[in-house]
Amino acid sequence: MARIVVDVMPKPEILDPQGKAIANELPRIGLSGFTELRQGRRFELTVEGEADEQVLAQAREAAEKLLSNPVIEDVVNVSVAPEED
């Protein structure tokens, strides 16, 4: 079995109030030096067998058509996850 990871982020021009709220809390817990934080979403798709180029192409299509909202989000990554030990 293989796992495919799809990462989706808000487009740069879209406000990210949740990311901003998290960024504002970082100094409160002693973590400073971060200038910006944006929150995205991660999807994991499991497939039988290996994740070849055809399977990755299907995952990209799913990401563009179903897993993201193309008006406000970008699909920033579609890749095979490393195998877990």
N, C-alpha and C. Protein backbone atom coordinates (compact mmCIF):
# COMPACT_ATOMS: atom_id res chain seq x y z
N MET A 1 0.84 -1.18 0.00
CA MET A 1 0.00 0.00 0.00
C MET A 1 0.88 1.24 0.00
N ALA A 2 0.40 2.26 -0.66
CA ALA A 2 1.12 3.53 -0.70
C ALA A 2 0.18 4.64 -0.25
N ARG A 3 0.76 5.67 0.32
CA ARG A 3 0.00 6.84 0.73
C ARG A 3 0.43 8.03 -0.10
N ILE A 4 -0.55 8.76 -0.59
CA ILE A 4 -0.30 9.99 -1.34
C ILE A 4 -0.76 11.15 -0.47
N VAL A 5 0.10 12.15 -0.36
CA VAL A 5 -0.20 13.33 0.44
C VAL A 5 -0.54 14.49 -0.49
N VAL A 6 -1.65 15.16 -0.19
CA VAL A 6 -2.07 16.35 -0.93
C VAL A 6 -2.14 17.50 0.07
N ASP A 7 -1.39 18.57 -0.19
CA ASP A 7 -1.42 19.76 0.65
C ASP A 7 -2.09 20.89 -0.11
N VAL A 8 -3.03 21.55 0.57
CA VAL A 8 -3.80 22.64 -0.01
C VAL A 8 -3.62 23.86 0.90
N MET A 9 -3.34 25.00 0.29
CA MET A 9 -3.15 26.24 1.05
C MET A 9 -4.04 27.34 0.48
N PRO A 10 -4.44 28.29 1.34
CA PRO A 10 -5.18 29.44 0.81
C PRO A 10 -4.29 30.21 -0.16
N LYS A 11 -4.89 30.76 -1.19
CA LYS A 11 -4.13 31.60 -2.13
C LYS A 11 -3.54 32.77 -1.35
N PRO A 12 -2.39 33.27 -1.77
CA PRO A 12 -1.74 34.36 -1.03
C PRO A 12 -2.62 35.59 -0.82
N GLU A 13 -3.49 35.89 -1.76
CA GLU A 13 -4.32 37.09 -1.63
C GLU A 13 -5.56 36.89 -0.75
N ILE A 14 -5.79 35.67 -0.30
CA ILE A 14 -6.94 35.36 0.55
C ILE A 14 -6.56 35.53 2.02
N LEU A 15 -7.39 36.22 2.78
CA LEU A 15 -7.14 36.38 4.21
C LEU A 15 -7.18 35.02 4.90
N ASP A 16 -6.35 34.86 5.90
CA ASP A 16 -6.27 33.61 6.66
C ASP A 16 -6.41 33.94 8.14
N PRO A 17 -7.64 34.20 8.62
CA PRO A 17 -7.81 34.61 10.01
C PRO A 17 -7.35 33.56 11.01
N GLN A 18 -7.52 32.30 10.70
CA GLN A 18 -7.09 31.26 11.62
C GLN A 18 -5.57 31.23 11.72
N GLY A 19 -4.88 31.35 10.59
CA GLY A 19 -3.43 31.42 10.61
C GLY A 19 -2.94 32.64 11.36
N LYS A 20 -3.61 33.78 11.18
CA LYS A 20 -3.24 35.00 11.89
C LYS A 20 -3.42 34.84 13.39
N ALA A 21 -4.51 34.22 13.81
CA ALA A 21 -4.75 34.00 15.24
C ALA A 21 -3.67 33.12 15.85
N ILE A 22 -3.27 32.08 15.13
CA ILE A 22 -2.21 31.19 15.63
C ILE A 22 -0.90 31.96 15.71
N ALA A 23 -0.60 32.74 14.67
CA ALA A 23 0.64 33.53 14.65
C ALA A 23 0.70 34.49 15.82
N ASN A 24 -0.43 35.09 16.17
CA ASN A 24 -0.47 36.03 17.29
C ASN A 24 -0.22 35.34 18.63
N GLU A 25 -0.49 34.05 18.72
CA GLU A 25 -0.30 33.32 19.97
C GLU A 25 1.12 32.78 20.15
N LEU A 26 1.89 32.69 19.08
CA LEU A 26 3.24 32.14 19.18
C LEU A 26 4.12 32.87 20.21
N PRO A 27 4.17 34.21 20.20
CA PRO A 27 5.00 34.89 21.20
C PRO A 27 4.53 34.62 22.64
N ARG A 28 3.24 34.42 22.81
CA ARG A 28 2.70 34.16 24.15
C ARG A 28 3.27 32.88 24.75
N ILE A 29 3.59 31.92 23.90
CA ILE A 29 4.16 30.67 24.42
C ILE A 29 5.68 30.63 24.26
N GLY A 30 6.26 31.81 24.01
CA GLY A 30 7.71 31.90 23.98
C GLY A 30 8.36 31.62 22.64
N LEU A 31 7.59 31.61 21.58
CA LEU A 31 8.13 31.34 20.24
C LEU A 31 8.06 32.62 19.42
N SER A 32 9.18 33.28 19.27
CA SER A 32 9.19 34.53 18.51
C SER A 32 10.08 34.37 17.28
N GLY A 33 10.03 35.35 16.42
CA GLY A 33 10.85 35.31 15.22
C GLY A 33 10.09 34.87 13.98
N PHE A 34 8.90 34.36 14.14
CA PHE A 34 8.09 34.00 12.98
C PHE A 34 7.35 35.24 12.51
N THR A 35 7.44 35.55 11.23
CA THR A 35 6.82 36.77 10.72
C THR A 35 5.43 36.55 10.15
N GLU A 36 5.12 35.33 9.76
CA GLU A 36 3.81 35.04 9.19
C GLU A 36 3.51 33.56 9.35
N LEU A 37 2.25 33.24 9.45
CA LEU A 37 1.81 31.85 9.52
C LEU A 37 0.54 31.73 8.71
N ARG A 38 0.48 30.72 7.85
CA ARG A 38 -0.73 30.44 7.09
C ARG A 38 -1.10 28.99 7.35
N GLN A 39 -2.38 28.77 7.51
CA GLN A 39 -2.85 27.42 7.80
C GLN A 39 -3.47 26.81 6.54
N GLY A 40 -3.10 25.57 6.28
CA GLY A 40 -3.65 24.86 5.13
C GLY A 40 -4.31 23.57 5.57
N ARG A 41 -4.50 22.71 4.58
CA ARG A 41 -5.13 21.41 4.84
C ARG A 41 -4.28 20.32 4.21
N ARG A 42 -4.29 19.16 4.83
CA ARG A 42 -3.54 18.00 4.32
C ARG A 42 -4.51 16.84 4.17
N PHE A 43 -4.42 16.17 3.03
CA PHE A 43 -5.22 14.98 2.75
C PHE A 43 -4.26 13.82 2.53
N GLU A 44 -4.63 12.64 2.98
CA GLU A 44 -3.84 11.43 2.72
C GLU A 44 -4.74 10.42 2.03
N LEU A 45 -4.31 10.00 0.85
CA LEU A 45 -5.06 9.01 0.07
C LEU A 45 -4.24 7.72 0.05
N THR A 46 -4.84 6.61 0.41
CA THR A 46 -4.15 5.32 0.41
C THR A 46 -4.59 4.53 -0.81
N VAL A 47 -3.61 3.92 -1.47
CA VAL A 47 -3.90 3.10 -2.65
C VAL A 47 -3.28 1.73 -2.48
N GLU A 48 -3.89 0.74 -3.11
CA GLU A 48 -3.31 -0.59 -3.13
C GLU A 48 -2.12 -0.58 -4.08
N GLY A 49 -1.09 -1.27 -3.73
CA GLY A 49 0.08 -1.35 -4.61
C GLY A 49 0.90 -0.07 -4.56
N GLU A 50 1.64 0.17 -5.65
CA GLU A 50 2.52 1.33 -5.72
C GLU A 50 1.79 2.54 -6.27
N ALA A 51 2.27 3.71 -5.91
CA ALA A 51 1.72 4.96 -6.43
C ALA A 51 2.54 5.37 -7.64
N ASP A 52 2.15 4.86 -8.82
CA ASP A 52 2.88 5.19 -10.05
C ASP A 52 2.38 6.53 -10.60
N GLU A 53 2.89 6.92 -11.74
CA GLU A 53 2.53 8.22 -12.32
C GLU A 53 1.04 8.33 -12.62
N GLN A 54 0.42 7.23 -13.03
CA GLN A 54 -1.02 7.26 -13.32
C GLN A 54 -1.82 7.53 -12.05
N VAL A 55 -1.44 6.88 -10.96
CA VAL A 55 -2.13 7.09 -9.68
C VAL A 55 -1.90 8.53 -9.20
N LEU A 56 -0.67 9.04 -9.33
CA LEU A 56 -0.40 10.42 -8.93
C LEU A 56 -1.20 11.41 -9.78
N ALA A 57 -1.36 11.11 -11.06
CA ALA A 57 -2.17 11.97 -11.93
C ALA A 57 -3.62 11.99 -11.47
N GLN A 58 -4.14 10.84 -11.06
CA GLN A 58 -5.51 10.78 -10.54
C GLN A 58 -5.62 11.56 -9.23
N ALA A 59 -4.61 11.46 -8.39
CA ALA A 59 -4.61 12.21 -7.13
C ALA A 59 -4.58 13.71 -7.39
N ARG A 60 -3.79 14.13 -8.39
CA ARG A 60 -3.76 15.56 -8.76
C ARG A 60 -5.14 16.02 -9.25
N GLU A 61 -5.78 15.18 -10.04
CA GLU A 61 -7.11 15.52 -10.54
C GLU A 61 -8.11 15.63 -9.39
N ALA A 62 -8.05 14.69 -8.46
CA ALA A 62 -8.93 14.75 -7.28
C ALA A 62 -8.65 16.01 -6.48
N ALA A 63 -7.38 16.36 -6.35
CA ALA A 63 -7.00 17.56 -5.59
C ALA A 63 -7.57 18.82 -6.24
N GLU A 64 -7.47 18.91 -7.56
CA GLU A 64 -7.94 20.09 -8.27
C GLU A 64 -9.46 20.18 -8.33
N LYS A 65 -10.13 19.02 -8.46
CA LYS A 65 -11.57 19.03 -8.68
C LYS A 65 -12.40 18.86 -7.41
N LEU A 66 -11.84 18.24 -6.37
CA LEU A 66 -12.66 17.90 -5.21
C LEU A 66 -12.05 18.35 -3.88
N LEU A 67 -10.76 18.18 -3.71
CA LEU A 67 -10.14 18.44 -2.41
C LEU A 67 -9.84 19.91 -2.16
N SER A 68 -9.83 20.72 -3.21
CA SER A 68 -9.55 22.14 -3.04
C SER A 68 -10.65 22.97 -3.67
N ASN A 69 -10.74 24.21 -3.23
CA ASN A 69 -11.63 25.18 -3.84
C ASN A 69 -10.75 26.09 -4.68
N PRO A 70 -10.73 25.93 -6.01
CA PRO A 70 -9.78 26.67 -6.85
C PRO A 70 -9.96 28.19 -6.81
N VAL A 71 -11.07 28.66 -6.31
CA VAL A 71 -11.28 30.10 -6.22
C VAL A 71 -10.41 30.71 -5.12
N ILE A 72 -10.25 29.97 -4.02
CA ILE A 72 -9.53 30.53 -2.87
C ILE A 72 -8.32 29.71 -2.43
N GLU A 73 -8.09 28.54 -3.04
CA GLU A 73 -7.00 27.68 -2.59
C GLU A 73 -6.13 27.22 -3.75
N ASP A 74 -4.88 26.93 -3.42
CA ASP A 74 -3.93 26.33 -4.36
C ASP A 74 -3.55 24.95 -3.86
N VAL A 75 -3.44 24.00 -4.77
CA VAL A 75 -2.85 22.70 -4.45
C VAL A 75 -1.35 22.90 -4.53
N VAL A 76 -0.65 22.77 -3.41
CA VAL A 76 0.78 23.08 -3.39
C VAL A 76 1.65 21.82 -3.40
N ASN A 77 1.06 20.66 -3.17
CA ASN A 77 1.87 19.44 -3.16
C ASN A 77 0.99 18.22 -3.38
N VAL A 78 1.43 17.34 -4.25
CA VAL A 78 0.86 16.00 -4.41
C VAL A 78 2.05 15.08 -4.53
N SER A 79 2.28 14.26 -3.50
CA SER A 79 3.48 13.41 -3.50
C SER A 79 3.21 12.12 -2.74
N VAL A 80 4.09 11.17 -2.97
CA VAL A 80 4.01 9.90 -2.27
C VAL A 80 4.66 10.08 -0.90
N ALA A 81 3.96 9.68 0.13
CA ALA A 81 4.49 9.80 1.50
C ALA A 81 5.57 8.75 1.72
N PRO A 82 6.58 9.08 2.51
CA PRO A 82 7.60 8.07 2.83
C PRO A 82 6.96 6.89 3.57
N GLU A 83 7.51 5.73 3.36
CA GLU A 83 7.00 4.55 4.06
C GLU A 83 7.32 4.65 5.54
N GLU A 84 6.38 4.24 6.37
CA GLU A 84 6.59 4.25 7.82
C GLU A 84 7.24 2.95 8.24
N ASP A 85 8.06 3.03 9.24
CA ASP A 85 8.71 1.81 9.76
C ASP A 85 7.79 1.01 10.63
